[in-house]
Amino acid sequence: MSRFKFSVGPWNVHEGADAYGPATRETIPFEEKIKKFKEIGFDAIQFHDDDVVPNMNELSEAEIIAEAKKVKALLDRYDLKAEFVAPRLWMDPHTTDGGFTSNSEEDRNFALWRAFRSIDIARALDCNYIVLWLAREGTLCYESKSPVESTKKLIDAINQMLNYDKQIKIMIETKPNEPIDRSVCPTLGHAMAISAASVDPSRVGGLLESAHAMLAGLDPASEIGFALSMGKLWSVHLNDQNGMKYDQDKSFGVENLRTAFNQMKVLMESDFGKNGEYIGLDVKVMRTEKQEGSYKHLENSLKIAKMLEKKIEKFDYDYQKKCVAERDYEALEMYVMELLMQG
């Protein structure tokens, strides 16, 4: 039995299409995914706004809320919660040049409309967290946008969201690049600064994804610890990454086991989850996997997280203190490796 609650998104079970090739698996119906997530052992579902209401751009505000309530009934049927809703501001033609930081006022207004509708959807799902993955809030051509003005536009958009609904909290999911070249808000440190500059810093926090930290050349456990020290880590997306390449979303722990160990360790040491937070497993199945293996990456990631949890429960903190007092870090490092390699 894990001390943590885990979440997952519908997009984590996908067809295998990528930028260089077509789908390799069939689409699985939405409700079938939800049912399977519950069977695997997840507690909550992560949503984009159009995961809940696929044709939302064509609907009125009242119709959007009505459709969201249908999904709430589905979650209730399987005893699942909604962790958050994220406006998908990177797939629409209005967001070609970014959403909140677009050079087009019309497109910036569209981004705010989607953000407000995401808040409506979240409230219909009995959820008060909004995630901002700022996918296109940055530049491809550096001179096309002022970093000063882009940062101000982002803060203004967040302020408008906070003022739209006094109950919601915003989690900024940081990433340094891809699909843009330079992000306006690439790391959790930037997210903390954005939070401090907002009209209500108590309602703006961070979401750390392992792979995104690695793409920035940072250690994800240290990023987690940084946000935890400020009381600002409100969710994590655990996965893995083979170097500073494209965002791979590999199963948690399969590439960097010690890094995965340290992520779980700092979460456990800080009693993450005591305020209802979830550990998200934002992983993607390998493109070569057959249809029947569509959920295997989620099962594996959950298993690895729980196995590491048991390893950390055995961690000898007295021995750690002894090694630190004697400045014998070689001994401490070897202890960690032996702990990880023991059966």
C-alpha atoms as a PDB file:
ATOM      1  CA  MET A   1       0.000   0.000   0.000  1.00  0.00           C
ATOM      2  CA  SER A   2       1.549   3.287  -1.115  1.00  0.00           C
ATOM      3  CA  ARG A   3       1.441   6.448   0.978  1.00  0.00           C
ATOM      4  CA  PHE A   4       0.830   8.406  -2.233  1.00  0.00           C
ATOM      5  CA  LYS A   5      -2.124   9.013  -4.519  1.00  0.00           C
ATOM      6  CA  PHE A   6      -1.404   8.739  -8.237  1.00  0.00           C
ATOM      7  CA  SER A   7      -2.893  10.451 -11.294  1.00  0.00           C
ATOM      8  CA  VAL A   8      -2.771   9.924 -15.041  1.00  0.00           C
ATOM      9  CA  GLY A   9      -4.044  11.632 -18.197  1.00  0.00           C
ATOM     10  CA  PRO A  10      -6.016  10.184 -21.129  1.00  0.00           C
ATOM     11  CA  TRP A  11      -3.172  11.246 -23.458  1.00  0.00           C
ATOM     12  CA  ASN A  12      -0.850   8.824 -21.697  1.00  0.00           C
ATOM     13  CA  VAL A  13      -2.540   6.049 -23.654  1.00  0.00           C
ATOM     14  CA  HIS A  14      -2.093   7.033 -27.271  1.00  0.00           C
ATOM     15  CA  GLU A  15      -1.890   5.700 -30.808  1.00  0.00           C
ATOM     16  CA  GLY A  16       1.871   5.993 -31.315  1.00  0.00           C
ATOM     17  CA  ALA A  17       1.922   8.601 -34.072  1.00  0.00           C
ATOM     18  CA  ASP A  18       4.900  10.951 -34.023  1.00  0.00           C
ATOM     19  CA  ALA A  19       6.398  13.682 -36.188  1.00  0.00           C
ATOM     20  CA  TYR A  20       7.963  11.079 -38.470  1.00  0.00           C
ATOM     21  CA  GLY A  21       5.359   8.382 -38.748  1.00  0.00           C
ATOM     22  CA  PRO A  22       1.712   7.361 -38.498  1.00  0.00           C
ATOM     23  CA  ALA A  23      -0.210   5.728 -35.670  1.00  0.00           C
ATOM     24  CA  THR A  24       0.826   2.209 -34.667  1.00  0.00           C
ATOM     25  CA  ARG A  25      -2.160   1.379 -32.441  1.00  0.00           C
ATOM     26  CA  GLU A  26      -5.926   1.838 -32.501  1.00  0.00           C
ATOM     27  CA  THR A  27      -7.712   4.539 -30.525  1.00  0.00           C
ATOM     28  CA  ILE A  28      -9.120   3.348 -27.198  1.00  0.00           C
ATOM     29  CA  PRO A  29     -12.503   4.856 -26.202  1.00  0.00           C
ATOM     30  CA  PHE A  30     -12.383   7.484 -23.450  1.00  0.00           C
ATOM     31  CA  GLU A  31     -14.521   5.582 -20.924  1.00  0.00           C
ATOM     32  CA  GLU A  32     -12.534   2.396 -21.482  1.00  0.00           C
ATOM     33  CA  LYS A  33      -9.374   4.302 -20.548  1.00  0.00           C
ATOM     34  CA  ILE A  34     -10.996   5.692 -17.407  1.00  0.00           C
ATOM     35  CA  LYS A  35     -12.149   2.232 -16.348  1.00  0.00           C
ATOM     36  CA  LYS A  36      -8.696   0.736 -16.957  1.00  0.00           C
ATOM     37  CA  PHE A  37      -6.948   3.535 -15.032  1.00  0.00           C
ATOM     38  CA  LYS A  38      -9.026   2.659 -11.996  1.00  0.00           C
ATOM     39  CA  GLU A  39      -8.221  -1.039 -12.368  1.00  0.00           C
ATOM     40  CA  ILE A  40      -4.479  -0.315 -12.581  1.00  0.00           C
ATOM     41  CA  GLY A  41      -4.618   1.644  -9.326  1.00  0.00           C
ATOM     42  CA  PHE A  42      -4.837   5.340 -10.180  1.00  0.00           C
ATOM     43  CA  ASP A  43      -6.778   7.741  -7.976  1.00  0.00           C
ATOM     44  CA  ALA A  44      -7.309  10.780 -10.203  1.00  0.00           C
ATOM     45  CA  ILE A  45      -7.385  11.895 -13.817  1.00  0.00           C
ATOM     46  CA  GLN A  46      -5.528  14.827 -15.363  1.00  0.00           C
ATOM     47  CA  PHE A  47      -7.389  16.678 -18.109  1.00  0.00           C
ATOM     48  CA  HIS A  48      -6.864  19.159 -20.874  1.00  0.00           C
ATOM     49  CA  ASP A  49      -9.949  21.282 -21.426  1.00  0.00           C
ATOM     50  CA  ASP A  50     -10.782  19.533 -24.702  1.00  0.00           C
ATOM     51  CA  ASP A  51     -10.273  16.081 -23.191  1.00  0.00           C
ATOM     52  CA  VAL A  52     -13.431  16.924 -21.260  1.00  0.00           C
ATOM     53  CA  VAL A  53     -15.250  18.908 -23.973  1.00  0.00           C
ATOM     54  CA  PRO A  54     -13.714  17.983 -27.357  1.00  0.00           C
ATOM     55  CA  ASN A  55     -15.645  20.522 -29.474  1.00  0.00           C
ATOM     56  CA  MET A  56     -15.597  23.325 -26.927  1.00  0.00           C
ATOM     57  CA  ASN A  57     -14.797  26.091 -29.426  1.00  0.00           C
ATOM     58  CA  GLU A  58     -18.196  25.493 -31.043  1.00  0.00           C
ATOM     59  CA  LEU A  59     -20.203  25.576 -27.808  1.00  0.00           C
ATOM     60  CA  SER A  60     -21.628  28.251 -25.555  1.00  0.00           C
ATOM     61  CA  GLU A  61     -20.323  28.655 -22.016  1.00  0.00           C
ATOM     62  CA  ALA A  62     -23.438  26.966 -20.632  1.00  0.00           C
ATOM     63  CA  GLU A  63     -23.074  24.050 -23.060  1.00  0.00           C
ATOM     64  CA  ILE A  64     -19.414  23.592 -22.095  1.00  0.00           C
ATOM     65  CA  ILE A  65     -20.327  23.325 -18.419  1.00  0.00           C
ATOM     66  CA  ALA A  66     -23.138  20.872 -19.208  1.00  0.00           C
ATOM     67  CA  GLU A  67     -20.723  18.609 -21.126  1.00  0.00           C
ATOM     68  CA  ALA A  68     -18.187  18.804 -18.291  1.00  0.00           C
ATOM     69  CA  LYS A  69     -20.816  17.632 -15.817  1.00  0.00           C
ATOM     70  CA  LYS A  70     -21.258  14.474 -17.904  1.00  0.00           C
ATOM     71  CA  VAL A  71     -17.579  13.687 -17.428  1.00  0.00           C
ATOM     72  CA  LYS A  72     -17.935  14.368 -13.697  1.00  0.00           C
ATOM     73  CA  ALA A  73     -20.675  11.715 -13.594  1.00  0.00           C
ATOM     74  CA  LEU A  74     -18.313   9.299 -15.383  1.00  0.00           C
ATOM     75  CA  LEU A  75     -15.579   9.936 -12.814  1.00  0.00           C
ATOM     76  CA  ASP A  76     -18.059   9.377 -10.002  1.00  0.00           C
ATOM     77  CA  ARG A  77     -19.077   6.067 -11.571  1.00  0.00           C
ATOM     78  CA  TYR A  78     -15.497   4.805 -11.262  1.00  0.00           C
ATOM     79  CA  ASP A  79     -14.723   6.562  -7.966  1.00  0.00           C
ATOM     80  CA  LEU A  80     -12.061   8.816  -9.490  1.00  0.00           C
ATOM     81  CA  LYS A  81     -11.249  12.503  -8.972  1.00  0.00           C
ATOM     82  CA  ALA A  82     -10.150  15.183 -11.402  1.00  0.00           C
ATOM     83  CA  GLU A  83      -6.697  16.466 -10.431  1.00  0.00           C
ATOM     84  CA  PHE A  84      -6.557  19.486 -12.737  1.00  0.00           C
ATOM     85  CA  VAL A  85      -7.671  21.008 -16.026  1.00  0.00           C
ATOM     86  CA  ALA A  86      -5.181  22.563 -18.457  1.00  0.00           C
ATOM     87  CA  PRO A  87      -6.149  24.838 -21.342  1.00  0.00           C
ATOM     88  CA  ARG A  88      -4.690  23.322 -24.518  1.00  0.00           C
ATOM     89  CA  LEU A  89      -3.108  26.443 -25.985  1.00  0.00           C
ATOM     90  CA  TRP A  90      -0.794  24.875 -28.542  1.00  0.00           C
ATOM     91  CA  MET A  91      -3.024  23.027 -31.035  1.00  0.00           C
ATOM     92  CA  ASP A  92      -5.417  25.766 -32.159  1.00  0.00           C
ATOM     93  CA  PRO A  93      -4.662  28.060 -35.144  1.00  0.00           C
ATOM     94  CA  HIS A  94      -5.126  31.007 -32.753  1.00  0.00           C
ATOM     95  CA  THR A  95      -2.056  29.849 -30.816  1.00  0.00           C
ATOM     96  CA  THR A  96       0.424  29.434 -33.679  1.00  0.00           C
ATOM     97  CA  ASP A  97       2.496  32.311 -32.288  1.00  0.00           C
ATOM     98  CA  GLY A  98       1.744  31.528 -28.652  1.00  0.00           C
ATOM     99  CA  GLY A  99      -1.330  32.114 -26.522  1.00  0.00           C
ATOM    100  CA  PHE A 100      -0.857  34.570 -23.680  1.00  0.00           C
ATOM    101  CA  THR A 101       2.297  35.997 -25.303  1.00  0.00           C
ATOM    102  CA  SER A 102       1.149  36.048 -28.919  1.00  0.00           C
ATOM    103  CA  ASN A 103       1.896  39.178 -30.924  1.00  0.00           C
ATOM    104  CA  SER A 104      -1.791  39.158 -31.947  1.00  0.00           C
ATOM    105  CA  GLU A 105      -4.265  40.756 -29.539  1.00  0.00           C
ATOM    106  CA  GLU A 106      -7.060  38.623 -31.017  1.00  0.00           C
ATOM    107  CA  ASP A 107      -5.097  35.464 -30.297  1.00  0.00           C
ATOM    108  CA  ARG A 108      -4.258  36.596 -26.769  1.00  0.00           C
ATOM    109  CA  ASN A 109      -7.965  37.145 -26.159  1.00  0.00           C
ATOM    110  CA  PHE A 110      -8.687  33.634 -27.459  1.00  0.00           C
ATOM    111  CA  ALA A 111      -6.109  32.190 -25.057  1.00  0.00           C
ATOM    112  CA  LEU A 112      -7.828  33.943 -22.156  1.00  0.00           C
ATOM    113  CA  TRP A 113     -11.218  32.671 -23.336  1.00  0.00           C
ATOM    114  CA  ARG A 114      -9.891  29.097 -23.275  1.00  0.00           C
ATOM    115  CA  ALA A 115      -8.300  29.693 -19.870  1.00  0.00           C
ATOM    116  CA  PHE A 116     -11.600  30.968 -18.433  1.00  0.00           C
ATOM    117  CA  ARG A 117     -13.491  28.014 -19.940  1.00  0.00           C
ATOM    118  CA  SER A 118     -10.907  25.649 -18.405  1.00  0.00           C
ATOM    119  CA  ILE A 119     -11.711  27.187 -15.047  1.00  0.00           C
ATOM    120  CA  ASP A 120     -15.438  26.627 -15.696  1.00  0.00           C
ATOM    121  CA  ILE A 121     -14.720  23.008 -16.618  1.00  0.00           C
ATOM    122  CA  ALA A 122     -12.570  22.482 -13.530  1.00  0.00           C
ATOM    123  CA  ARG A 123     -15.314  23.778 -11.250  1.00  0.00           C
ATOM    124  CA  ALA A 124     -17.828  21.447 -12.956  1.00  0.00           C
ATOM    125  CA  LEU A 125     -15.436  18.568 -12.231  1.00  0.00           C
ATOM    126  CA  ASP A 126     -15.189  19.650  -8.577  1.00  0.00           C
ATOM    127  CA  CYS A 127     -11.551  20.574  -9.069  1.00  0.00           C
ATOM    128  CA  ASN A 128      -9.797  23.838  -8.280  1.00  0.00           C
ATOM    129  CA  TYR A 129      -6.416  23.350  -9.953  1.00  0.00           C
ATOM    130  CA  ILE A 130      -5.514  24.757 -13.366  1.00  0.00           C
ATOM    131  CA  VAL A 131      -2.248  23.732 -15.016  1.00  0.00           C
ATOM    132  CA  LEU A 132      -0.454  26.020 -17.437  1.00  0.00           C
ATOM    133  CA  TRP A 133       1.958  24.144 -19.681  1.00  0.00           C
ATOM    134  CA  LEU A 134       3.295  27.154 -21.568  1.00  0.00           C
ATOM    135  CA  ALA A 135       4.055  25.208 -24.732  1.00  0.00           C
ATOM    136  CA  ARG A 136       4.267  28.105 -27.189  1.00  0.00           C
ATOM    137  CA  GLU A 137       4.891  30.952 -24.765  1.00  0.00           C
ATOM    138  CA  GLY A 138       8.331  31.801 -26.082  1.00  0.00           C
ATOM    139  CA  THR A 139      10.189  32.402 -29.337  1.00  0.00           C
ATOM    140  CA  LEU A 140      11.379  30.666 -32.455  1.00  0.00           C
ATOM    141  CA  CYS A 141      12.962  33.896 -33.727  1.00  0.00           C
ATOM    142  CA  TYR A 142      14.459  35.686 -30.734  1.00  0.00           C
ATOM    143  CA  GLU A 143      13.842  39.196 -32.066  1.00  0.00           C
ATOM    144  CA  SER A 144      10.136  38.475 -32.669  1.00  0.00           C
ATOM    145  CA  LYS A 145       9.168  39.041 -29.018  1.00  0.00           C
ATOM    146  CA  SER A 146      10.498  41.097 -26.160  1.00  0.00           C
ATOM    147  CA  PRO A 147      11.285  38.879 -23.143  1.00  0.00           C
ATOM    148  CA  VAL A 148      10.305  41.796 -20.923  1.00  0.00           C
ATOM    149  CA  GLU A 149       6.902  42.303 -22.528  1.00  0.00           C
ATOM    150  CA  SER A 150       6.260  38.544 -22.846  1.00  0.00           C
ATOM    151  CA  THR A 151       6.828  38.057 -19.124  1.00  0.00           C
ATOM    152  CA  LYS A 152       4.489  40.946 -18.332  1.00  0.00           C
ATOM    153  CA  LYS A 153       1.822  39.501 -20.653  1.00  0.00           C
ATOM    154  CA  LEU A 154       2.073  36.121 -18.942  1.00  0.00           C
ATOM    155  CA  ILE A 155       1.711  37.676 -15.489  1.00  0.00           C
ATOM    156  CA  ASP A 156      -1.265  39.721 -16.680  1.00  0.00           C
ATOM    157  CA  ALA A 157      -2.987  36.604 -18.054  1.00  0.00           C
ATOM    158  CA  ILE A 158      -2.435  34.741 -14.780  1.00  0.00           C
ATOM    159  CA  ASN A 159      -3.810  37.711 -12.842  1.00  0.00           C
ATOM    160  CA  GLN A 160      -6.951  37.730 -14.971  1.00  0.00           C
ATOM    161  CA  MET A 161      -7.430  34.008 -14.301  1.00  0.00           C
ATOM    162  CA  LEU A 162      -6.994  34.523 -10.559  1.00  0.00           C
ATOM    163  CA  ASN A 163      -9.530  37.340 -10.621  1.00  0.00           C
ATOM    164  CA  TYR A 164     -12.004  35.321 -12.721  1.00  0.00           C
ATOM    165  CA  ASP A 165     -12.387  32.723  -9.957  1.00  0.00           C
ATOM    166  CA  LYS A 166     -11.190  33.369  -6.411  1.00  0.00           C
ATOM    167  CA  GLN A 167     -11.049  29.643  -5.562  1.00  0.00           C
ATOM    168  CA  ILE A 168      -8.805  28.288  -8.281  1.00  0.00           C
ATOM    169  CA  LYS A 169      -5.084  27.684  -7.951  1.00  0.00           C
ATOM    170  CA  ILE A 170      -2.687  27.765 -10.882  1.00  0.00           C
ATOM    171  CA  MET A 171       0.194  25.319 -11.317  1.00  0.00           C
ATOM    172  CA  ILE A 172       2.849  26.358 -13.824  1.00  0.00           C
ATOM    173  CA  GLU A 173       4.372  23.316 -15.541  1.00  0.00           C
ATOM    174  CA  THR A 174       7.781  24.507 -16.682  1.00  0.00           C
ATOM    175  CA  LYS A 175       9.754  23.367 -19.720  1.00  0.00           C
ATOM    176  CA  PRO A 176      12.766  25.094 -21.325  1.00  0.00           C
ATOM    177  CA  ASN A 177      12.070  24.349 -24.979  1.00  0.00           C
ATOM    178  CA  GLU A 178      10.040  22.264 -27.466  1.00  0.00           C
ATOM    179  CA  PRO A 179       7.932  23.100 -29.320  1.00  0.00           C
ATOM    180  CA  ILE A 180       9.401  26.614 -29.049  1.00  0.00           C
ATOM    181  CA  ASP A 181      13.106  27.458 -28.869  1.00  0.00           C
ATOM    182  CA  ARG A 182      13.226  29.676 -25.772  1.00  0.00           C
ATOM    183  CA  SER A 183      10.504  29.517 -23.150  1.00  0.00           C
ATOM    184  CA  VAL A 184       9.344  32.569 -21.207  1.00  0.00           C
ATOM    185  CA  CYS A 185       9.159  30.413 -18.058  1.00  0.00           C
ATOM    186  CA  PRO A 186      11.679  27.548 -18.432  1.00  0.00           C
ATOM    187  CA  THR A 187      12.300  26.386 -14.835  1.00  0.00           C
ATOM    188  CA  LEU A 188      10.623  26.227 -11.436  1.00  0.00           C
ATOM    189  CA  GLY A 189      12.731  29.182 -10.330  1.00  0.00           C
ATOM    190  CA  HIS A 190      11.088  31.245 -13.052  1.00  0.00           C
ATOM    191  CA  ALA A 191       7.683  29.926 -11.991  1.00  0.00           C
ATOM    192  CA  MET A 192       8.328  31.024  -8.400  1.00  0.00           C
ATOM    193  CA  ALA A 193       9.227  34.511  -9.625  1.00  0.00           C
ATOM    194  CA  ILE A 194       6.038  34.657 -11.721  1.00  0.00           C
ATOM    195  CA  SER A 195       4.083  33.570  -8.650  1.00  0.00           C
ATOM    196  CA  ALA A 196       5.634  36.302  -6.519  1.00  0.00           C
ATOM    197  CA  ALA A 197       4.738  38.908  -9.154  1.00  0.00           C
ATOM    198  CA  SER A 198       1.078  37.835  -9.376  1.00  0.00           C
ATOM    199  CA  VAL A 199      -1.842  39.457  -7.576  1.00  0.00           C
ATOM    200  CA  ASP A 200      -2.152  36.432  -5.266  1.00  0.00           C
ATOM    201  CA  PRO A 201       1.098  34.450  -4.869  1.00  0.00           C
ATOM    202  CA  SER A 202      -0.658  32.029  -2.503  1.00  0.00           C
ATOM    203  CA  ARG A 203      -2.614  30.671  -5.475  1.00  0.00           C
ATOM    204  CA  VAL A 204       0.227  30.274  -7.996  1.00  0.00           C
ATOM    205  CA  GLY A 205       2.594  27.332  -7.624  1.00  0.00           C
ATOM    206  CA  GLY A 206       4.558  24.821  -9.642  1.00  0.00           C
ATOM    207  CA  LEU A 207       4.331  21.419 -11.277  1.00  0.00           C
ATOM    208  CA  LEU A 208       7.634  19.668 -11.931  1.00  0.00           C
ATOM    209  CA  GLU A 209       8.004  17.110 -14.715  1.00  0.00           C
ATOM    210  CA  SER A 210      11.150  14.991 -14.493  1.00  0.00           C
ATOM    211  CA  ALA A 211      11.951  15.096 -18.216  1.00  0.00           C
ATOM    212  CA  HIS A 212      11.449  18.861 -18.420  1.00  0.00           C
ATOM    213  CA  ALA A 213      14.025  19.445 -15.692  1.00  0.00           C
ATOM    214  CA  MET A 214      16.477  17.156 -17.483  1.00  0.00           C
ATOM    215  CA  LEU A 215      15.937  19.061 -20.743  1.00  0.00           C
ATOM    216  CA  ALA A 216      17.033  22.194 -18.869  1.00  0.00           C
ATOM    217  CA  GLY A 217      20.163  20.388 -17.682  1.00  0.00           C
ATOM    218  CA  LEU A 218      18.820  20.324 -14.123  1.00  0.00           C
ATOM    219  CA  ASP A 219      18.354  17.550 -11.592  1.00  0.00           C
ATOM    220  CA  PRO A 220      14.618  16.900 -11.127  1.00  0.00           C
ATOM    221  CA  ALA A 221      14.963  15.967  -7.448  1.00  0.00           C
ATOM    222  CA  SER A 222      16.659  19.307  -6.793  1.00  0.00           C
ATOM    223  CA  GLU A 223      13.910  21.162  -8.664  1.00  0.00           C
ATOM    224  CA  ILE A 224      11.352  19.286  -6.573  1.00  0.00           C
ATOM    225  CA  GLY A 225      13.205  20.202  -3.393  1.00  0.00           C
ATOM    226  CA  PHE A 226      13.458  23.857  -4.400  1.00  0.00           C
ATOM    227  CA  ALA A 227       9.702  24.189  -4.864  1.00  0.00           C
ATOM    228  CA  LEU A 228       8.970  22.136  -1.735  1.00  0.00           C
ATOM    229  CA  SER A 229      11.120  24.493   0.346  1.00  0.00           C
ATOM    230  CA  MET A 230       8.778  27.306  -0.641  1.00  0.00           C
ATOM    231  CA  GLY A 231       5.564  25.344  -0.187  1.00  0.00           C
ATOM    232  CA  LYS A 232       4.962  25.676  -3.913  1.00  0.00           C
ATOM    233  CA  LEU A 233       5.154  22.124  -5.264  1.00  0.00           C
ATOM    234  CA  TRP A 234       1.525  21.208  -5.864  1.00  0.00           C
ATOM    235  CA  SER A 235       2.045  18.294  -8.271  1.00  0.00           C
ATOM    236  CA  VAL A 236       4.752  16.295 -10.007  1.00  0.00           C
ATOM    237  CA  HIS A 237       4.866  14.428 -13.302  1.00  0.00           C
ATOM    238  CA  LEU A 238       7.321  11.603 -12.894  1.00  0.00           C
ATOM    239  CA  ASN A 239       8.854  10.066 -16.005  1.00  0.00           C
ATOM    240  CA  ASP A 240      12.322   9.602 -17.471  1.00  0.00           C
ATOM    241  CA  GLN A 241      14.580  10.950 -20.182  1.00  0.00           C
ATOM    242  CA  ASN A 242      17.656   9.764 -22.062  1.00  0.00           C
ATOM    243  CA  GLY A 243      19.766  12.916 -22.164  1.00  0.00           C
ATOM    244  CA  MET A 244      18.958  16.429 -23.377  1.00  0.00           C
ATOM    245  CA  LYS A 245      17.027  15.419 -26.478  1.00  0.00           C
ATOM    246  CA  TYR A 246      13.370  15.808 -27.351  1.00  0.00           C
ATOM    247  CA  ASP A 247      10.809  15.226 -24.590  1.00  0.00           C
ATOM    248  CA  GLN A 248      10.680  11.419 -24.370  1.00  0.00           C
ATOM    249  CA  ASP A 249       8.250  10.748 -21.484  1.00  0.00           C
ATOM    250  CA  LYS A 250       9.837   7.359 -20.841  1.00  0.00           C
ATOM    251  CA  SER A 251       8.586   5.113 -18.055  1.00  0.00           C
ATOM    252  CA  PHE A 252       9.643   6.369 -14.636  1.00  0.00           C
ATOM    253  CA  GLY A 253      13.066   5.134 -13.542  1.00  0.00           C
ATOM    254  CA  VAL A 254      13.990   3.125 -16.631  1.00  0.00           C
ATOM    255  CA  GLU A 255      16.899   5.387 -17.675  1.00  0.00           C
ATOM    256  CA  ASN A 256      18.055   7.120 -14.480  1.00  0.00           C
ATOM    257  CA  LEU A 257      17.230   4.867 -11.554  1.00  0.00           C
ATOM    258  CA  ARG A 258      19.205   6.790  -8.920  1.00  0.00           C
ATOM    259  CA  THR A 259      17.660  10.061 -10.079  1.00  0.00           C
ATOM    260  CA  ALA A 260      14.241   8.431  -9.769  1.00  0.00           C
ATOM    261  CA  PHE A 261      15.176   7.190  -6.278  1.00  0.00           C
ATOM    262  CA  ASN A 262      16.100  10.706  -5.191  1.00  0.00           C
ATOM    263  CA  GLN A 263      12.857  12.162  -6.566  1.00  0.00           C
ATOM    264  CA  MET A 264      10.811   9.706  -4.537  1.00  0.00           C
ATOM    265  CA  LYS A 265      13.082  10.214  -1.526  1.00  0.00           C
ATOM    266  CA  VAL A 266      12.649  13.991  -1.364  1.00  0.00           C
ATOM    267  CA  LEU A 267       8.889  13.612  -1.827  1.00  0.00           C
ATOM    268  CA  MET A 268       8.707  11.125   1.018  1.00  0.00           C
ATOM    269  CA  GLU A 269      10.959  13.144   3.314  1.00  0.00           C
ATOM    270  CA  SER A 270       8.764  16.222   2.778  1.00  0.00           C
ATOM    271  CA  ASP A 271       5.524  14.286   3.323  1.00  0.00           C
ATOM    272  CA  PHE A 272       4.318  15.218  -0.141  1.00  0.00           C
ATOM    273  CA  GLY A 273       0.626  14.438  -0.499  1.00  0.00           C
ATOM    274  CA  LYS A 274      -0.349  15.497   3.016  1.00  0.00           C
ATOM    275  CA  ASN A 275      -2.429  18.317   1.524  1.00  0.00           C
ATOM    276  CA  GLY A 276      -4.076  16.077  -1.067  1.00  0.00           C
ATOM    277  CA  GLU A 277      -1.413  16.373  -3.787  1.00  0.00           C
ATOM    278  CA  TYR A 278      -1.064  13.655  -6.416  1.00  0.00           C
ATOM    279  CA  ILE A 279       1.945  12.078  -8.080  1.00  0.00           C
ATOM    280  CA  GLY A 280       1.283  12.128 -11.804  1.00  0.00           C
ATOM    281  CA  LEU A 281       2.902   9.520 -14.048  1.00  0.00           C
ATOM    282  CA  ASP A 282       3.215  11.373 -17.349  1.00  0.00           C
ATOM    283  CA  VAL A 283       4.652   8.578 -19.470  1.00  0.00           C
ATOM    284  CA  LYS A 284       4.118   7.325 -23.002  1.00  0.00           C
ATOM    285  CA  VAL A 285       4.233   3.752 -24.234  1.00  0.00           C
ATOM    286  CA  MET A 286       6.936   2.986 -26.805  1.00  0.00           C
ATOM    287  CA  ARG A 287       5.832   3.502 -30.392  1.00  0.00           C
ATOM    288  CA  THR A 288       6.698  -0.126 -31.198  1.00  0.00           C
ATOM    289  CA  GLU A 289       4.398  -1.551 -28.517  1.00  0.00           C
ATOM    290  CA  LYS A 290       1.450  -3.603 -29.807  1.00  0.00           C
ATOM    291  CA  GLN A 291      -2.165  -2.788 -29.028  1.00  0.00           C
ATOM    292  CA  GLU A 292      -2.389  -5.179 -26.101  1.00  0.00           C
ATOM    293  CA  GLY A 293       0.522  -3.369 -24.431  1.00  0.00           C
ATOM    294  CA  SER A 294      -1.138   0.063 -24.461  1.00  0.00           C
ATOM    295  CA  TYR A 295      -1.136   0.335 -20.651  1.00  0.00           C
ATOM    296  CA  LYS A 296       2.106  -1.480 -19.874  1.00  0.00           C
ATOM    297  CA  HIS A 297       4.149   1.722 -19.407  1.00  0.00           C
ATOM    298  CA  LEU A 298       1.700   2.949 -16.774  1.00  0.00           C
ATOM    299  CA  GLU A 299       1.730  -0.360 -14.925  1.00  0.00           C
ATOM    300  CA  ASN A 300       5.537  -0.413 -15.035  1.00  0.00           C
ATOM    301  CA  SER A 301       5.902   3.195 -13.850  1.00  0.00           C
ATOM    302  CA  LEU A 302       3.508   2.662 -10.965  1.00  0.00           C
ATOM    303  CA  LYS A 303       5.335  -0.530  -9.988  1.00  0.00           C
ATOM    304  CA  ILE A 304       8.751   1.186 -10.088  1.00  0.00           C
ATOM    305  CA  ALA A 305       7.486   4.123  -7.991  1.00  0.00           C
ATOM    306  CA  LYS A 306       6.161   1.749  -5.342  1.00  0.00           C
ATOM    307  CA  MET A 307       9.329  -0.374  -5.407  1.00  0.00           C
ATOM    308  CA  LEU A 308      11.438   2.741  -4.844  1.00  0.00           C
ATOM    309  CA  GLU A 309       9.117   3.753  -2.025  1.00  0.00           C
ATOM    310  CA  LYS A 310       9.925   0.464  -0.279  1.00  0.00           C
ATOM    311  CA  LYS A 311      13.656   0.991  -0.857  1.00  0.00           C
ATOM    312  CA  ILE A 312      13.471   4.443   0.725  1.00  0.00           C
ATOM    313  CA  GLU A 313      11.601   3.048   3.733  1.00  0.00           C
ATOM    314  CA  LYS A 314      14.724   0.936   4.364  1.00  0.00           C
ATOM    315  CA  PHE A 315      17.085   3.895   4.027  1.00  0.00           C
ATOM    316  CA  ASP A 316      19.427   4.091   7.045  1.00  0.00           C
ATOM    317  CA  TYR A 317      19.367   7.755   8.076  1.00  0.00           C
ATOM    318  CA  ASP A 318      21.665   7.088  11.040  1.00  0.00           C
ATOM    319  CA  TYR A 319      24.292   5.732   8.673  1.00  0.00           C
ATOM    320  CA  GLN A 320      23.751   8.740   6.415  1.00  0.00           C
ATOM    321  CA  LYS A 321      24.417  11.074   9.377  1.00  0.00           C
ATOM    322  CA  LYS A 322      27.558   9.129  10.264  1.00  0.00           C
ATOM    323  CA  CYS A 323      28.895   9.417   6.708  1.00  0.00           C
ATOM    324  CA  VAL A 324      28.095  13.122   6.605  1.00  0.00           C
ATOM    325  CA  ALA A 325      29.762  13.739   9.975  1.00  0.00           C
ATOM    326  CA  GLU A 326      32.883  11.922   8.782  1.00  0.00           C
ATOM    327  CA  ARG A 327      32.635  13.528   5.333  1.00  0.00           C
ATOM    328  CA  ASP A 328      32.790  10.055   3.842  1.00  0.00           C
ATOM    329  CA  TYR A 329      30.617  10.650   0.829  1.00  0.00           C
ATOM    330  CA  GLU A 330      32.145   7.723  -1.075  1.00  0.00           C
ATOM    331  CA  ALA A 331      30.763   5.380   1.580  1.00  0.00           C
ATOM    332  CA  LEU A 332      27.377   7.083   1.458  1.00  0.00           C
ATOM    333  CA  GLU A 333      27.251   6.867  -2.315  1.00  0.00           C
ATOM    334  CA  MET A 334      28.113   3.182  -2.263  1.00  0.00           C
ATOM    335  CA  TYR A 335      25.451   2.571   0.379  1.00  0.00           C
ATOM    336  CA  VAL A 336      22.825   4.070  -1.907  1.00  0.00           C
ATOM    337  CA  MET A 337      24.000   1.957  -4.841  1.00  0.00           C
ATOM    338  CA  GLU A 338      23.925  -1.234  -2.781  1.00  0.00           C
ATOM    339  CA  LEU A 339      20.462  -0.399  -1.515  1.00  0.00           C
ATOM    340  CA  LEU A 340      19.231   0.068  -5.073  1.00  0.00           C
ATOM    341  CA  MET A 341      20.890  -3.116  -6.343  1.00  0.00           C
ATOM    342  CA  GLN A 342      19.745  -5.417  -3.547  1.00  0.00           C
ATOM    343  CA  GLY A 343      16.919  -7.799  -4.381  1.00  0.00           C
END
